[in-house]
């Protein structure tokens, strides 16, 4: 029974990474929103998750959840920083790493006054991190 729970959690985690990957591709390739530098860093951590979690799910290699936690944790911190510089004026004025091309403070979408692209990425990273942390803790208990 525990394996079915782990299997479902891993599938959910993979599904979130696929939705986030295709969502970012939709915004850049269909809506023609040019990604800023921090958006690229978030993609660097999200895109491999889609592949890693797919392989791990198919092969039932639950220990890959540790690597998914690491990638999603780092990506989540980048998303949190990016969201902070978009929404907190004092941080946005002194943002690091956003000097070339599109400014990282640009908000292509701003649904309900708080949902931006980095916010969507942050939610995806949190979901992936938390489900893989649950998986990691449950397999460590066995």
N, C-alpha and C. Protein backbone atom coordinates (compact mmCIF):
# COMPACT_ATOMS: atom_id res chain seq x y z
N UNK A 1 0.82 -1.20 0.00
CA UNK A 1 0.00 0.00 0.00
C UNK A 1 0.86 1.26 0.00
N UNK A 2 1.94 1.22 0.73
CA UNK A 2 2.82 2.40 0.79
C UNK A 2 3.44 2.68 -0.57
N UNK A 3 3.74 1.62 -1.34
CA UNK A 3 4.33 1.83 -2.67
C UNK A 3 3.37 2.55 -3.61
N UNK A 4 2.08 2.27 -3.48
CA UNK A 4 1.08 2.94 -4.31
C UNK A 4 1.02 4.43 -3.98
N UNK A 5 1.13 4.75 -2.69
CA UNK A 5 1.15 6.16 -2.27
C UNK A 5 2.37 6.87 -2.84
N UNK A 6 3.52 6.23 -2.74
CA UNK A 6 4.76 6.79 -3.27
C UNK A 6 4.65 6.95 -4.78
N UNK A 7 4.10 5.95 -5.42
CA UNK A 7 3.91 5.99 -6.87
C UNK A 7 3.04 7.18 -7.27
N UNK A 8 1.94 7.39 -6.55
CA UNK A 8 1.04 8.51 -6.85
C UNK A 8 1.71 9.86 -6.59
N UNK A 9 2.46 9.95 -5.51
CA UNK A 9 3.17 11.19 -5.21
C UNK A 9 4.22 11.50 -6.27
N UNK A 10 4.93 10.48 -6.71
CA UNK A 10 5.93 10.70 -7.74
C UNK A 10 5.28 11.12 -9.05
N UNK A 11 4.17 10.49 -9.39
CA UNK A 11 3.46 10.88 -10.61
C UNK A 11 2.99 12.33 -10.52
N UNK A 12 2.43 12.71 -9.36
CA UNK A 12 1.98 14.09 -9.16
C UNK A 12 3.15 15.06 -9.32
N UNK A 13 4.27 14.73 -8.73
CA UNK A 13 5.46 15.57 -8.82
C UNK A 13 5.91 15.73 -10.26
N UNK A 14 5.92 14.63 -11.00
CA UNK A 14 6.30 14.68 -12.42
C UNK A 14 5.30 15.52 -13.21
N UNK A 15 4.01 15.36 -12.91
CA UNK A 15 2.97 16.11 -13.61
C UNK A 15 3.13 17.62 -13.39
N UNK A 16 3.45 18.01 -12.17
CA UNK A 16 3.67 19.44 -11.87
C UNK A 16 4.86 19.96 -12.67
N UNK A 17 5.93 19.17 -12.75
CA UNK A 17 7.11 19.62 -13.50
C UNK A 17 6.82 19.74 -14.99
N UNK A 18 6.02 18.85 -15.52
CA UNK A 18 5.63 18.92 -16.94
C UNK A 18 4.76 20.15 -17.21
N UNK A 19 3.79 20.40 -16.34
CA UNK A 19 2.93 21.57 -16.50
C UNK A 19 3.76 22.85 -16.42
N UNK A 20 4.70 22.92 -15.47
CA UNK A 20 5.56 24.10 -15.34
C UNK A 20 6.45 24.28 -16.56
N UNK A 21 6.99 23.18 -17.06
CA UNK A 21 7.86 23.25 -18.24
C UNK A 21 7.09 23.74 -19.46
N UNK A 22 5.94 23.12 -19.71
CA UNK A 22 5.15 23.55 -20.86
C UNK A 22 4.56 24.94 -20.66
N UNK A 23 4.27 25.31 -19.42
CA UNK A 23 3.79 26.66 -19.13
C UNK A 23 4.84 27.70 -19.48
N UNK A 24 6.09 27.44 -19.10
CA UNK A 24 7.15 28.41 -19.42
C UNK A 24 7.39 28.48 -20.93
N UNK A 25 7.29 27.33 -21.60
CA UNK A 25 7.43 27.33 -23.05
C UNK A 25 6.26 28.06 -23.72
N UNK A 26 5.08 27.93 -23.17
CA UNK A 26 3.91 28.65 -23.70
C UNK A 26 4.13 30.16 -23.61
N UNK A 27 4.58 30.61 -22.42
CA UNK A 27 4.79 32.05 -22.25
C UNK A 27 5.86 32.59 -23.19
N UNK A 28 6.92 31.82 -23.41
CA UNK A 28 8.00 32.35 -24.25
C UNK A 28 7.79 32.10 -25.74
N UNK A 29 7.28 30.96 -26.12
CA UNK A 29 7.18 30.61 -27.54
C UNK A 29 5.85 31.00 -28.18
N UNK A 30 4.78 31.01 -27.43
CA UNK A 30 3.47 31.33 -28.00
C UNK A 30 3.07 32.77 -27.69
N UNK A 31 3.22 33.16 -26.42
CA UNK A 31 2.89 34.53 -26.02
C UNK A 31 4.03 35.51 -26.32
N UNK A 32 5.20 34.98 -26.70
CA UNK A 32 6.38 35.78 -27.04
C UNK A 32 6.88 36.67 -25.90
N UNK A 33 6.75 36.18 -24.66
CA UNK A 33 7.33 36.87 -23.52
C UNK A 33 8.80 36.47 -23.44
N UNK A 34 9.69 37.43 -23.56
CA UNK A 34 11.12 37.14 -23.52
C UNK A 34 11.53 36.90 -22.06
N UNK A 35 12.12 35.74 -21.75
CA UNK A 35 12.51 35.47 -20.36
C UNK A 35 13.68 36.34 -19.92
N UNK A 36 13.62 36.80 -18.68
CA UNK A 36 14.74 37.55 -18.11
C UNK A 36 15.80 36.56 -17.62
N UNK A 37 16.87 37.08 -17.09
CA UNK A 37 17.97 36.23 -16.65
C UNK A 37 17.55 35.27 -15.52
N UNK A 38 16.79 35.76 -14.55
CA UNK A 38 16.36 34.88 -13.46
C UNK A 38 15.35 33.83 -13.94
N UNK A 39 14.56 34.17 -14.95
CA UNK A 39 13.65 33.18 -15.54
C UNK A 39 14.44 32.03 -16.15
N UNK A 40 15.56 32.36 -16.79
CA UNK A 40 16.40 31.31 -17.36
C UNK A 40 16.97 30.41 -16.27
N UNK A 41 17.39 30.99 -15.15
CA UNK A 41 17.92 30.17 -14.06
C UNK A 41 16.85 29.24 -13.51
N UNK A 42 15.62 29.72 -13.42
CA UNK A 42 14.53 28.87 -12.94
C UNK A 42 14.28 27.73 -13.92
N UNK A 43 14.36 28.03 -15.20
CA UNK A 43 14.19 26.98 -16.21
C UNK A 43 15.30 25.93 -16.12
N UNK A 44 16.51 26.40 -15.80
CA UNK A 44 17.64 25.47 -15.68
C UNK A 44 17.36 24.42 -14.61
N UNK A 45 16.60 24.79 -13.59
CA UNK A 45 16.29 23.82 -12.53
C UNK A 45 14.97 23.09 -12.76
N UNK A 46 14.04 23.65 -13.53
CA UNK A 46 12.76 23.00 -13.76
C UNK A 46 12.82 21.97 -14.89
N UNK A 47 13.44 22.30 -16.00
CA UNK A 47 13.43 21.41 -17.15
C UNK A 47 14.05 20.04 -16.85
N UNK A 48 15.20 19.98 -16.17
CA UNK A 48 15.73 18.65 -15.84
C UNK A 48 14.82 17.87 -14.90
N UNK A 49 14.06 18.56 -14.07
CA UNK A 49 13.14 17.86 -13.17
C UNK A 49 12.10 17.06 -13.96
N UNK A 50 11.62 17.63 -15.06
CA UNK A 50 10.63 16.92 -15.87
C UNK A 50 11.21 15.61 -16.40
N UNK A 51 12.45 15.63 -16.80
CA UNK A 51 13.10 14.42 -17.32
C UNK A 51 13.45 13.46 -16.18
N UNK A 52 14.07 13.99 -15.13
CA UNK A 52 14.48 13.17 -13.99
C UNK A 52 13.30 12.46 -13.35
N UNK A 53 12.22 13.20 -13.12
CA UNK A 53 11.05 12.61 -12.47
C UNK A 53 10.34 11.60 -13.37
N UNK A 54 10.37 11.82 -14.67
CA UNK A 54 9.78 10.85 -15.60
C UNK A 54 10.55 9.54 -15.56
N UNK A 55 11.86 9.63 -15.66
CA UNK A 55 12.69 8.42 -15.62
C UNK A 55 12.54 7.71 -14.29
N UNK A 56 12.57 8.47 -13.21
CA UNK A 56 12.45 7.88 -11.88
C UNK A 56 11.08 7.22 -11.70
N UNK A 57 10.03 7.83 -12.22
CA UNK A 57 8.69 7.26 -12.10
C UNK A 57 8.58 5.97 -12.89
N UNK A 58 9.07 5.98 -14.11
CA UNK A 58 8.97 4.79 -14.96
C UNK A 58 9.79 3.64 -14.39
N UNK A 59 10.99 3.94 -13.89
CA UNK A 59 11.89 2.90 -13.37
C UNK A 59 11.66 2.60 -11.89
N UNK A 60 10.75 3.34 -11.26
CA UNK A 60 10.43 3.17 -9.84
C UNK A 60 11.65 3.35 -8.96
N UNK A 61 12.46 4.34 -9.30
CA UNK A 61 13.65 4.65 -8.52
C UNK A 61 13.32 5.80 -7.57
N UNK A 62 12.75 5.44 -6.43
CA UNK A 62 12.26 6.43 -5.49
C UNK A 62 13.38 7.25 -4.85
N UNK A 63 14.59 6.72 -4.84
CA UNK A 63 15.70 7.46 -4.24
C UNK A 63 16.05 8.72 -5.04
N UNK A 64 15.56 8.82 -6.25
CA UNK A 64 15.77 10.03 -7.05
C UNK A 64 15.05 11.21 -6.44
N UNK A 65 14.17 10.95 -5.47
CA UNK A 65 13.46 12.05 -4.82
C UNK A 65 14.42 12.99 -4.10
N UNK A 66 15.56 12.48 -3.65
CA UNK A 66 16.56 13.35 -3.02
C UNK A 66 17.08 14.38 -4.02
N UNK A 67 17.38 13.95 -5.24
CA UNK A 67 17.87 14.87 -6.27
C UNK A 67 16.77 15.86 -6.69
N UNK A 68 15.54 15.38 -6.71
CA UNK A 68 14.43 16.27 -7.04
C UNK A 68 14.26 17.34 -5.95
N UNK A 69 14.48 16.95 -4.70
CA UNK A 69 14.42 17.93 -3.60
C UNK A 69 15.50 18.99 -3.76
N UNK A 70 16.69 18.56 -4.12
CA UNK A 70 17.80 19.51 -4.27
C UNK A 70 17.52 20.48 -5.42
N UNK A 71 17.15 19.95 -6.58
CA UNK A 71 16.88 20.82 -7.74
C UNK A 71 15.71 21.77 -7.48
N UNK A 72 14.63 21.23 -6.92
CA UNK A 72 13.46 22.08 -6.68
C UNK A 72 13.70 23.06 -5.54
N UNK A 73 14.52 22.70 -4.57
CA UNK A 73 14.85 23.63 -3.50
C UNK A 73 15.63 24.83 -4.01
N UNK A 74 16.65 24.57 -4.82
CA UNK A 74 17.44 25.67 -5.39
C UNK A 74 16.57 26.51 -6.33
N UNK A 75 15.80 25.86 -7.18
CA UNK A 75 14.91 26.59 -8.09
C UNK A 75 13.88 27.41 -7.33
N UNK A 76 13.39 26.87 -6.21
CA UNK A 76 12.43 27.59 -5.39
C UNK A 76 13.01 28.85 -4.79
N UNK A 77 14.26 28.78 -4.34
CA UNK A 77 14.91 29.98 -3.80
C UNK A 77 15.10 31.05 -4.87
N UNK A 78 15.45 30.62 -6.07
CA UNK A 78 15.59 31.58 -7.17
C UNK A 78 14.23 32.22 -7.48
N UNK A 79 13.17 31.41 -7.51
CA UNK A 79 11.82 31.93 -7.76
C UNK A 79 11.38 32.90 -6.66
N UNK A 80 11.68 32.56 -5.42
CA UNK A 80 11.32 33.43 -4.30
C UNK A 80 12.05 34.77 -4.41
N UNK A 81 13.33 34.72 -4.74
CA UNK A 81 14.09 35.96 -4.92
C UNK A 81 13.52 36.78 -6.08
N UNK A 82 13.23 36.10 -7.18
CA UNK A 82 12.69 36.79 -8.35
C UNK A 82 11.34 37.43 -8.04
N UNK A 83 10.48 36.69 -7.36
CA UNK A 83 9.17 37.22 -6.99
C UNK A 83 9.33 38.40 -6.04
N UNK A 84 10.29 38.31 -5.13
CA UNK A 84 10.54 39.40 -4.18
C UNK A 84 10.97 40.69 -4.89
N UNK A 85 11.84 40.57 -5.87
CA UNK A 85 12.27 41.80 -6.55
C UNK A 85 11.17 42.37 -7.44
N UNK A 86 10.20 41.55 -7.80
CA UNK A 86 9.06 42.07 -8.55
C UNK A 86 8.08 42.80 -7.65
N UNK A 87 7.89 42.30 -6.45
CA UNK A 87 6.81 42.81 -5.60
C UNK A 87 7.26 43.73 -4.47
N UNK A 88 8.53 43.67 -4.09
CA UNK A 88 9.01 44.54 -3.01
C UNK A 88 9.90 45.60 -3.63
N UNK A 89 9.46 46.82 -3.59
CA UNK A 89 10.13 47.92 -4.29
C UNK A 89 11.58 48.09 -3.88
N UNK A 90 11.88 48.05 -2.59
CA UNK A 90 13.25 48.26 -2.13
C UNK A 90 14.21 47.20 -2.65
N UNK A 91 13.74 45.98 -2.77
CA UNK A 91 14.59 44.90 -3.28
C UNK A 91 14.77 45.06 -4.79
N UNK A 92 13.70 45.38 -5.50
CA UNK A 92 13.74 45.49 -6.95
C UNK A 92 14.68 46.56 -7.45
N UNK A 93 14.85 47.61 -6.67
CA UNK A 93 15.75 48.68 -7.09
C UNK A 93 17.21 48.26 -7.04
N UNK A 94 17.54 47.30 -6.22
CA UNK A 94 18.92 46.86 -6.04
C UNK A 94 19.11 45.39 -6.45
N UNK A 95 18.33 44.93 -7.40
CA UNK A 95 18.36 43.53 -7.81
C UNK A 95 19.71 43.15 -8.40
N UNK A 96 20.15 41.95 -8.05
CA UNK A 96 21.42 41.44 -8.54
C UNK A 96 21.15 40.53 -9.74
N UNK A 97 21.94 40.66 -10.78
CA UNK A 97 21.88 39.73 -11.90
C UNK A 97 20.83 40.02 -12.94
N UNK A 98 20.29 41.21 -12.97
CA UNK A 98 19.22 41.51 -13.92
C UNK A 98 19.54 42.75 -14.74
N UNK A 99 20.77 42.89 -15.15
CA UNK A 99 21.16 44.13 -15.82
C UNK A 99 21.11 44.06 -17.33
N UNK A 100 21.13 42.87 -17.92
CA UNK A 100 21.20 42.75 -19.37
C UNK A 100 19.84 42.32 -19.92
N UNK A 101 19.39 42.95 -20.99
CA UNK A 101 18.16 42.54 -21.67
C UNK A 101 16.92 42.93 -20.91
N UNK A 102 16.05 41.98 -20.70
CA UNK A 102 14.77 42.20 -20.03
C UNK A 102 15.00 42.35 -18.52
N UNK A 103 14.47 43.40 -17.91
CA UNK A 103 14.64 43.54 -16.46
C UNK A 103 13.84 42.47 -15.70
N UNK A 104 14.41 41.99 -14.63
CA UNK A 104 13.76 40.94 -13.84
C UNK A 104 12.57 41.46 -13.06
N UNK A 105 12.41 42.77 -13.01
CA UNK A 105 11.25 43.35 -12.34
C UNK A 105 10.03 43.42 -13.25
N UNK A 106 10.21 43.13 -14.54
CA UNK A 106 9.09 43.16 -15.49
C UNK A 106 8.07 42.09 -15.13
N UNK A 107 6.80 42.45 -15.23
CA UNK A 107 5.72 41.51 -14.91
C UNK A 107 4.83 41.35 -16.13
N UNK A 108 5.06 40.29 -16.88
CA UNK A 108 4.26 40.05 -18.08
C UNK A 108 2.81 39.76 -17.71
N UNK A 109 2.63 39.02 -16.62
CA UNK A 109 1.28 38.77 -16.12
C UNK A 109 1.25 39.25 -14.67
N UNK A 110 0.07 39.62 -14.21
CA UNK A 110 -0.12 40.04 -12.83
C UNK A 110 -1.57 39.76 -12.46
N UNK A 111 -1.91 38.47 -12.44
CA UNK A 111 -3.28 38.05 -12.17
C UNK A 111 -3.61 38.28 -10.70
N UNK A 112 -4.76 38.85 -10.45
CA UNK A 112 -5.28 39.13 -9.11
C UNK A 112 -4.33 40.00 -8.29
N UNK A 113 -3.39 40.67 -8.94
CA UNK A 113 -2.49 41.57 -8.26
C UNK A 113 -1.29 40.92 -7.60
N UNK A 114 -1.19 39.58 -7.67
CA UNK A 114 -0.04 38.93 -7.03
C UNK A 114 0.51 37.73 -7.78
N UNK A 115 -0.20 37.20 -8.73
CA UNK A 115 0.26 36.01 -9.45
C UNK A 115 1.06 36.44 -10.67
N UNK A 116 2.37 36.22 -10.61
CA UNK A 116 3.27 36.50 -11.72
C UNK A 116 3.92 35.19 -12.15
N UNK A 117 4.70 35.23 -13.20
CA UNK A 117 5.36 34.01 -13.68
C UNK A 117 6.30 33.43 -12.62
N UNK A 118 7.13 34.23 -11.94
CA UNK A 118 7.96 33.65 -10.88
C UNK A 118 7.14 33.06 -9.72
N UNK A 119 5.96 33.63 -9.46
CA UNK A 119 5.08 33.07 -8.43
C UNK A 119 4.59 31.69 -8.84
N UNK A 120 4.20 31.56 -10.11
CA UNK A 120 3.77 30.24 -10.61
C UNK A 120 4.90 29.22 -10.51
N UNK A 121 6.12 29.65 -10.86
CA UNK A 121 7.27 28.75 -10.75
C UNK A 121 7.53 28.39 -9.29
N UNK A 122 7.40 29.35 -8.39
CA UNK A 122 7.60 29.08 -6.97
C UNK A 122 6.61 28.05 -6.46
N UNK A 123 5.36 28.18 -6.84
CA UNK A 123 4.34 27.20 -6.42
C UNK A 123 4.71 25.81 -6.94
N UNK A 124 5.14 25.74 -8.20
CA UNK A 124 5.53 24.44 -8.77
C UNK A 124 6.72 23.86 -8.02
N UNK A 125 7.74 24.66 -7.74
CA UNK A 125 8.90 24.18 -7.01
C UNK A 125 8.52 23.73 -5.60
N UNK A 126 7.63 24.46 -4.94
CA UNK A 126 7.19 24.06 -3.59
C UNK A 126 6.46 22.73 -3.63
N UNK A 127 5.57 22.56 -4.60
CA UNK A 127 4.83 21.29 -4.72
C UNK A 127 5.78 20.12 -4.99
N UNK A 128 6.73 20.33 -5.90
CA UNK A 128 7.69 19.27 -6.22
C UNK A 128 8.57 18.96 -5.01
N UNK A 129 9.06 20.00 -4.35
CA UNK A 129 9.91 19.80 -3.19
C UNK A 129 9.17 19.05 -2.08
N UNK A 130 7.97 19.50 -1.76
CA UNK A 130 7.25 18.90 -0.63
C UNK A 130 6.85 17.45 -0.92
N UNK A 131 6.39 17.14 -2.14
CA UNK A 131 6.03 15.75 -2.43
C UNK A 131 7.26 14.85 -2.43
N UNK A 132 8.38 15.35 -2.94
CA UNK A 132 9.58 14.52 -2.95
C UNK A 132 10.20 14.39 -1.57
N UNK A 133 10.00 15.39 -0.71
CA UNK A 133 10.44 15.27 0.67
C UNK A 133 9.63 14.20 1.40
N UNK A 134 8.34 14.15 1.14
CA UNK A 134 7.49 13.10 1.72
C UNK A 134 7.96 11.73 1.24
N UNK A 135 8.23 11.62 -0.06
CA UNK A 135 8.72 10.35 -0.61
C UNK A 135 10.04 9.97 0.04
N UNK A 136 10.97 10.93 0.12
CA UNK A 136 12.29 10.64 0.68
C UNK A 136 12.16 10.18 2.14
N UNK A 137 11.34 10.84 2.91
CA UNK A 137 11.17 10.46 4.32
C UNK A 137 10.52 9.08 4.44
N UNK A 138 9.58 8.77 3.57
CA UNK A 138 8.92 7.47 3.67
C UNK A 138 9.84 6.32 3.25
N UNK A 139 10.72 6.54 2.26
CA UNK A 139 11.62 5.45 1.89
C UNK A 139 12.77 5.33 2.88
N UNK A 140 13.12 6.41 3.54
CA UNK A 140 14.17 6.35 4.57
C UNK A 140 13.68 5.59 5.80
N UNK A 141 12.37 5.62 6.02
CA UNK A 141 11.78 4.92 7.17
C UNK A 141 11.73 3.42 6.97
N UNK A 142 11.81 2.97 5.72
CA UNK A 142 11.74 1.52 5.43
C UNK A 142 13.04 0.82 5.63
